[in-house]
Amino acid sequence: MLQIYSLSEQIKVDEEHDKRLGQIAALERQMKATKQPRRKRELFVELQKLKLH
């Protein structure tokens, strides 16, 4: 579905998207660095939630 935004709305959407991509990258780095299986699973669940939105 294509949505048409005004310039200010598009800037806001782009900033939110960039922020989410940064959070995803940080979680992926944490997940790779973590040795504990339970914590790794928690990070994986958080990562999946971010990717769905």
PDB file of N, CA and C in Angstrom:
ATOM      1  N   MET A   1       0.838  -1.175   0.000  1.00  0.00           N
ATOM      2  CA  MET A   1       0.000   0.000   0.000  1.00  0.00           C
ATOM      3  C   MET A   1       0.883   1.238   0.000  1.00  0.00           C
ATOM      4  N   LEU A   2       0.659   2.094  -0.930  1.00  0.00           N
ATOM      5  CA  LEU A   2       1.441   3.313  -1.067  1.00  0.00           C
ATOM      6  C   LEU A   2       0.726   4.445  -0.342  1.00  0.00           C
ATOM      7  N   GLN A   3       1.470   5.100   0.561  1.00  0.00           N
ATOM      8  CA  GLN A   3       0.904   6.226   1.280  1.00  0.00           C
ATOM      9  C   GLN A   3       1.642   7.487   0.871  1.00  0.00           C
ATOM     10  N   ILE A   4       0.912   8.563   0.744  1.00  0.00           N
ATOM     11  CA  ILE A   4       1.504   9.834   0.363  1.00  0.00           C
ATOM     12  C   ILE A   4       1.590  10.707   1.610  1.00  0.00           C
ATOM     13  N   TYR A   5       2.814  11.167   1.902  1.00  0.00           N
ATOM     14  CA  TYR A   5       3.054  11.998   3.071  1.00  0.00           C
ATOM     15  C   TYR A   5       3.520  13.380   2.631  1.00  0.00           C
ATOM     16  N   SER A   6       3.265  14.351   3.490  1.00  0.00           N
ATOM     17  CA  SER A   6       3.852  15.659   3.260  1.00  0.00           C
ATOM     18  C   SER A   6       5.344  15.553   3.584  1.00  0.00           C
ATOM     19  N   LEU A   7       6.098  16.558   3.246  1.00  0.00           N
ATOM     20  CA  LEU A   7       7.547  16.511   3.464  1.00  0.00           C
ATOM     21  C   LEU A   7       7.888  16.319   4.939  1.00  0.00           C
ATOM     22  N   SER A   8       7.231  17.061   5.812  1.00  0.00           N
ATOM     23  CA  SER A   8       7.529  16.940   7.248  1.00  0.00           C
ATOM     24  C   SER A   8       7.145  15.561   7.776  1.00  0.00           C
ATOM     25  N   GLU A   9       6.033  15.019   7.300  1.00  0.00           N
ATOM     26  CA  GLU A   9       5.635  13.672   7.720  1.00  0.00           C
ATOM     27  C   GLU A   9       6.628  12.637   7.216  1.00  0.00           C
ATOM     28  N   GLN A  10       7.092  12.800   5.971  1.00  0.00           N
ATOM     29  CA  GLN A  10       8.058  11.853   5.404  1.00  0.00           C
ATOM     30  C   GLN A  10       9.379  11.885   6.163  1.00  0.00           C
ATOM     31  N   ILE A  11       9.805  13.076   6.568  1.00  0.00           N
ATOM     32  CA  ILE A  11      11.031  13.199   7.358  1.00  0.00           C
ATOM     33  C   ILE A  11      10.876  12.466   8.676  1.00  0.00           C
ATOM     34  N   LYS A  12       9.728  12.642   9.319  1.00  0.00           N
ATOM     35  CA  LYS A  12       9.468  11.967  10.590  1.00  0.00           C
ATOM     36  C   LYS A  12       9.464  10.445  10.403  1.00  0.00           C
ATOM     37  N   VAL A  13       8.817   9.959   9.360  1.00  0.00           N
ATOM     38  CA  VAL A  13       8.765   8.516   9.076  1.00  0.00           C
ATOM     39  C   VAL A  13      10.174   7.980   8.814  1.00  0.00           C
ATOM     40  N   ASP A  14      10.967   8.726   8.051  1.00  0.00           N
ATOM     41  CA  ASP A  14      12.339   8.309   7.759  1.00  0.00           C
ATOM     42  C   ASP A  14      13.195   8.252   9.023  1.00  0.00           C
ATOM     43  N   GLU A  15      13.018   9.238   9.901  1.00  0.00           N
ATOM     44  CA  GLU A  15      13.778   9.245  11.157  1.00  0.00           C
ATOM     45  C   GLU A  15      13.410   8.050  12.024  1.00  0.00           C
ATOM     46  N   GLU A  16      12.117   7.735  12.105  1.00  0.00           N
ATOM     47  CA  GLU A  16      11.682   6.575  12.885  1.00  0.00           C
ATOM     48  C   GLU A  16      12.232   5.287  12.291  1.00  0.00           C
ATOM     49  N   HIS A  17      12.247   5.202  10.966  1.00  0.00           N
ATOM     50  CA  HIS A  17      12.773   4.019  10.289  1.00  0.00           C
ATOM     51  C   HIS A  17      14.269   3.868  10.561  1.00  0.00           C
ATOM     52  N   ASP A  18      15.008   4.970  10.473  1.00  0.00           N
ATOM     53  CA  ASP A  18      16.446   4.933  10.745  1.00  0.00           C
ATOM     54  C   ASP A  18      16.723   4.543  12.189  1.00  0.00           C
ATOM     55  N   LYS A  19      15.911   5.057  13.109  1.00  0.00           N
ATOM     56  CA  LYS A  19      16.075   4.727  14.523  1.00  0.00           C
ATOM     57  C   LYS A  19      15.846   3.230  14.737  1.00  0.00           C
ATOM     58  N   ARG A  20      14.802   2.691  14.108  1.00  0.00           N
ATOM     59  CA  ARG A  20      14.495   1.271  14.238  1.00  0.00           C
ATOM     60  C   ARG A  20      15.625   0.414  13.657  1.00  0.00           C
ATOM     61  N   LEU A  21      16.187   0.839  12.512  1.00  0.00           N
ATOM     62  CA  LEU A  21      17.298   0.096  11.922  1.00  0.00           C
ATOM     63  C   LEU A  21      18.521   0.099  12.852  1.00  0.00           C
ATOM     64  N   GLY A  22      18.749   1.213  13.510  1.00  0.00           N
ATOM     65  CA  GLY A  22      19.842   1.297  14.479  1.00  0.00           C
ATOM     66  C   GLY A  22      19.625   0.368  15.657  1.00  0.00           C
ATOM     67  N   GLN A  23      18.384   0.305  16.144  1.00  0.00           N
ATOM     68  CA  GLN A  23      18.063  -0.592  17.250  1.00  0.00           C
ATOM     69  C   GLN A  23      18.239  -2.045  16.836  1.00  0.00           C
ATOM     70  N   ILE A  24      17.831  -2.374  15.615  1.00  0.00           N
ATOM     71  CA  ILE A  24      17.976  -3.734  15.113  1.00  0.00           C
ATOM     72  C   ILE A  24      19.450  -4.103  15.025  1.00  0.00           C
ATOM     73  N   ALA A  25      20.268  -3.216  14.501  1.00  0.00           N
ATOM     74  CA  ALA A  25      21.702  -3.481  14.380  1.00  0.00           C
ATOM     75  C   ALA A  25      22.343  -3.672  15.758  1.00  0.00           C
ATOM     76  N   ALA A  26      21.945  -2.846  16.722  1.00  0.00           N
ATOM     77  CA  ALA A  26      22.495  -2.964  18.074  1.00  0.00           C
ATOM     78  C   ALA A  26      22.095  -4.299  18.706  1.00  0.00           C
ATOM     79  N   LEU A  27      20.837  -4.697  18.539  1.00  0.00           N
ATOM     80  CA  LEU A  27      20.394  -5.969  19.091  1.00  0.00           C
ATOM     81  C   LEU A  27      21.110  -7.144  18.431  1.00  0.00           C
ATOM     82  N   GLU A  28      21.333  -7.063  17.127  1.00  0.00           N
ATOM     83  CA  GLU A  28      22.056  -8.137  16.442  1.00  0.00           C
ATOM     84  C   GLU A  28      23.488  -8.254  16.963  1.00  0.00           C
ATOM     85  N   ARG A  29      24.138  -7.112  17.207  1.00  0.00           N
ATOM     86  CA  ARG A  29      25.502  -7.143  17.761  1.00  0.00           C
ATOM     87  C   ARG A  29      25.497  -7.747  19.156  1.00  0.00           C
ATOM     88  N   GLN A  30      24.520  -7.336  19.986  1.00  0.00           N
ATOM     89  CA  GLN A  30      24.424  -7.883  21.339  1.00  0.00           C
ATOM     90  C   GLN A  30      24.180  -9.381  21.307  1.00  0.00           C
ATOM     91  N   MET A  31      23.319  -9.817  20.396  1.00  0.00           N
ATOM     92  CA  MET A  31      22.981 -11.230  20.315  1.00  0.00           C
ATOM     93  C   MET A  31      24.210 -12.056  19.935  1.00  0.00           C
ATOM     94  N   LYS A  32      25.016 -11.548  19.017  1.00  0.00           N
ATOM     95  CA  LYS A  32      26.223 -12.275  18.615  1.00  0.00           C
ATOM     96  C   LYS A  32      27.255 -12.316  19.733  1.00  0.00           C
ATOM     97  N   ALA A  33      27.316 -11.268  20.539  1.00  0.00           N
ATOM     98  CA  ALA A  33      28.319 -11.177  21.593  1.00  0.00           C
ATOM     99  C   ALA A  33      27.922 -11.941  22.858  1.00  0.00           C
ATOM    100  N   THR A  34      26.633 -12.183  23.035  1.00  0.00           N
ATOM    101  CA  THR A  34      26.143 -12.816  24.252  1.00  0.00           C
ATOM    102  C   THR A  34      26.408 -14.315  24.235  1.00  0.00           C
ATOM    103  N   LYS A  35      26.880 -14.818  25.346  1.00  0.00           N
ATOM    104  CA  LYS A  35      27.164 -16.248  25.478  1.00  0.00           C
ATOM    105  C   LYS A  35      25.995 -17.005  26.118  1.00  0.00           C
ATOM    106  N   GLN A  36      25.197 -16.289  26.902  1.00  0.00           N
ATOM    107  CA  GLN A  36      24.124 -16.942  27.652  1.00  0.00           C
ATOM    108  C   GLN A  36      22.930 -17.234  26.748  1.00  0.00           C
ATOM    109  N   PRO A  37      22.517 -18.497  26.663  1.00  0.00           N
ATOM    110  CA  PRO A  37      21.406 -18.867  25.779  1.00  0.00           C
ATOM    111  C   PRO A  37      20.089 -18.160  26.108  1.00  0.00           C
ATOM    112  N   ARG A  38      19.789 -18.006  27.390  1.00  0.00           N
ATOM    113  CA  ARG A  38      18.525 -17.362  27.771  1.00  0.00           C
ATOM    114  C   ARG A  38      18.508 -15.900  27.331  1.00  0.00           C
ATOM    115  N   ARG A  39      19.606 -15.199  27.565  1.00  0.00           N
ATOM    116  CA  ARG A  39      19.692 -13.783  27.161  1.00  0.00           C
ATOM    117  C   ARG A  39      19.668 -13.658  25.640  1.00  0.00           C
ATOM    118  N   LYS A  40      20.319 -14.605  24.966  1.00  0.00           N
ATOM    119  CA  LYS A  40      20.328 -14.585  23.508  1.00  0.00           C
ATOM    120  C   LYS A  40      18.912 -14.746  22.969  1.00  0.00           C
ATOM    121  N   ARG A  41      18.130 -15.618  23.607  1.00  0.00           N
ATOM    122  CA  ARG A  41      16.735 -15.826  23.204  1.00  0.00           C
ATOM    123  C   ARG A  41      15.910 -14.560  23.443  1.00  0.00           C
ATOM    124  N   GLU A  42      16.123 -13.895  24.588  1.00  0.00           N
ATOM    125  CA  GLU A  42      15.404 -12.650  24.879  1.00  0.00           C
ATOM    126  C   GLU A  42      15.715 -11.588  23.822  1.00  0.00           C
ATOM    127  N   LEU A  43      16.975 -11.472  23.445  1.00  0.00           N
ATOM    128  CA  LEU A  43      17.368 -10.510  22.420  1.00  0.00           C
ATOM    129  C   LEU A  43      16.737 -10.866  21.078  1.00  0.00           C
ATOM    130  N   PHE A  44      16.679 -12.159  20.781  1.00  0.00           N
ATOM    131  CA  PHE A  44      16.066 -12.613  19.533  1.00  0.00           C
ATOM    132  C   PHE A  44      14.595 -12.231  19.478  1.00  0.00           C
ATOM    133  N   VAL A  45      13.879 -12.407  20.584  1.00  0.00           N
ATOM    134  CA  VAL A  45      12.454 -12.054  20.636  1.00  0.00           C
ATOM    135  C   VAL A  45      12.271 -10.549  20.436  1.00  0.00           C
ATOM    136  N   GLU A  46      13.103  -9.744  21.097  1.00  0.00           N
ATOM    137  CA  GLU A  46      13.032  -8.286  20.918  1.00  0.00           C
ATOM    138  C   GLU A  46      13.296  -7.913  19.459  1.00  0.00           C
ATOM    139  N   LEU A  47      14.272  -8.585  18.869  1.00  0.00           N
ATOM    140  CA  LEU A  47      14.624  -8.324  17.477  1.00  0.00           C
ATOM    141  C   LEU A  47      13.469  -8.648  16.544  1.00  0.00           C
ATOM    142  N   GLN A  48      12.797  -9.736  16.783  1.00  0.00           N
ATOM    143  CA  GLN A  48      11.658 -10.117  15.943  1.00  0.00           C
ATOM    144  C   GLN A  48      10.515  -9.111  16.068  1.00  0.00           C
ATOM    145  N   LYS A  49      10.284  -8.608  17.279  1.00  0.00           N
ATOM    146  CA  LYS A  49       9.236  -7.599  17.480  1.00  0.00           C
ATOM    147  C   LYS A  49       9.547  -6.326  16.689  1.00  0.00           C
ATOM    148  N   LEU A  50      10.815  -5.906  16.719  1.00  0.00           N
ATOM    149  CA  LEU A  50      11.190  -4.697  15.975  1.00  0.00           C
ATOM    150  C   LEU A  50      11.063  -4.901  14.475  1.00  0.00           C
ATOM    151  N   LYS A  51      11.426  -6.069  14.006  1.00  0.00           N
ATOM    152  CA  LYS A  51      11.367  -6.330  12.565  1.00  0.00           C
ATOM    153  C   LYS A  51       9.925  -6.415  12.052  1.00  0.00           C
ATOM    154  N   LEU A  52       8.992  -6.795  12.906  1.00  0.00           N
ATOM    155  CA  LEU A  52       7.595  -6.905  12.481  1.00  0.00           C
ATOM    156  C   LEU A  52       6.924  -5.541  12.322  1.00  0.00           C
ATOM    157  N   HIS A  53       7.401  -4.547  13.064  1.00  0.00           N
ATOM    158  CA  HIS A  53       6.754  -3.225  13.003  1.00  0.00           C
ATOM    159  C   HIS A  53       7.289  -2.434  11.885  1.00  0.00           C
TER     160      HIS A  53
END
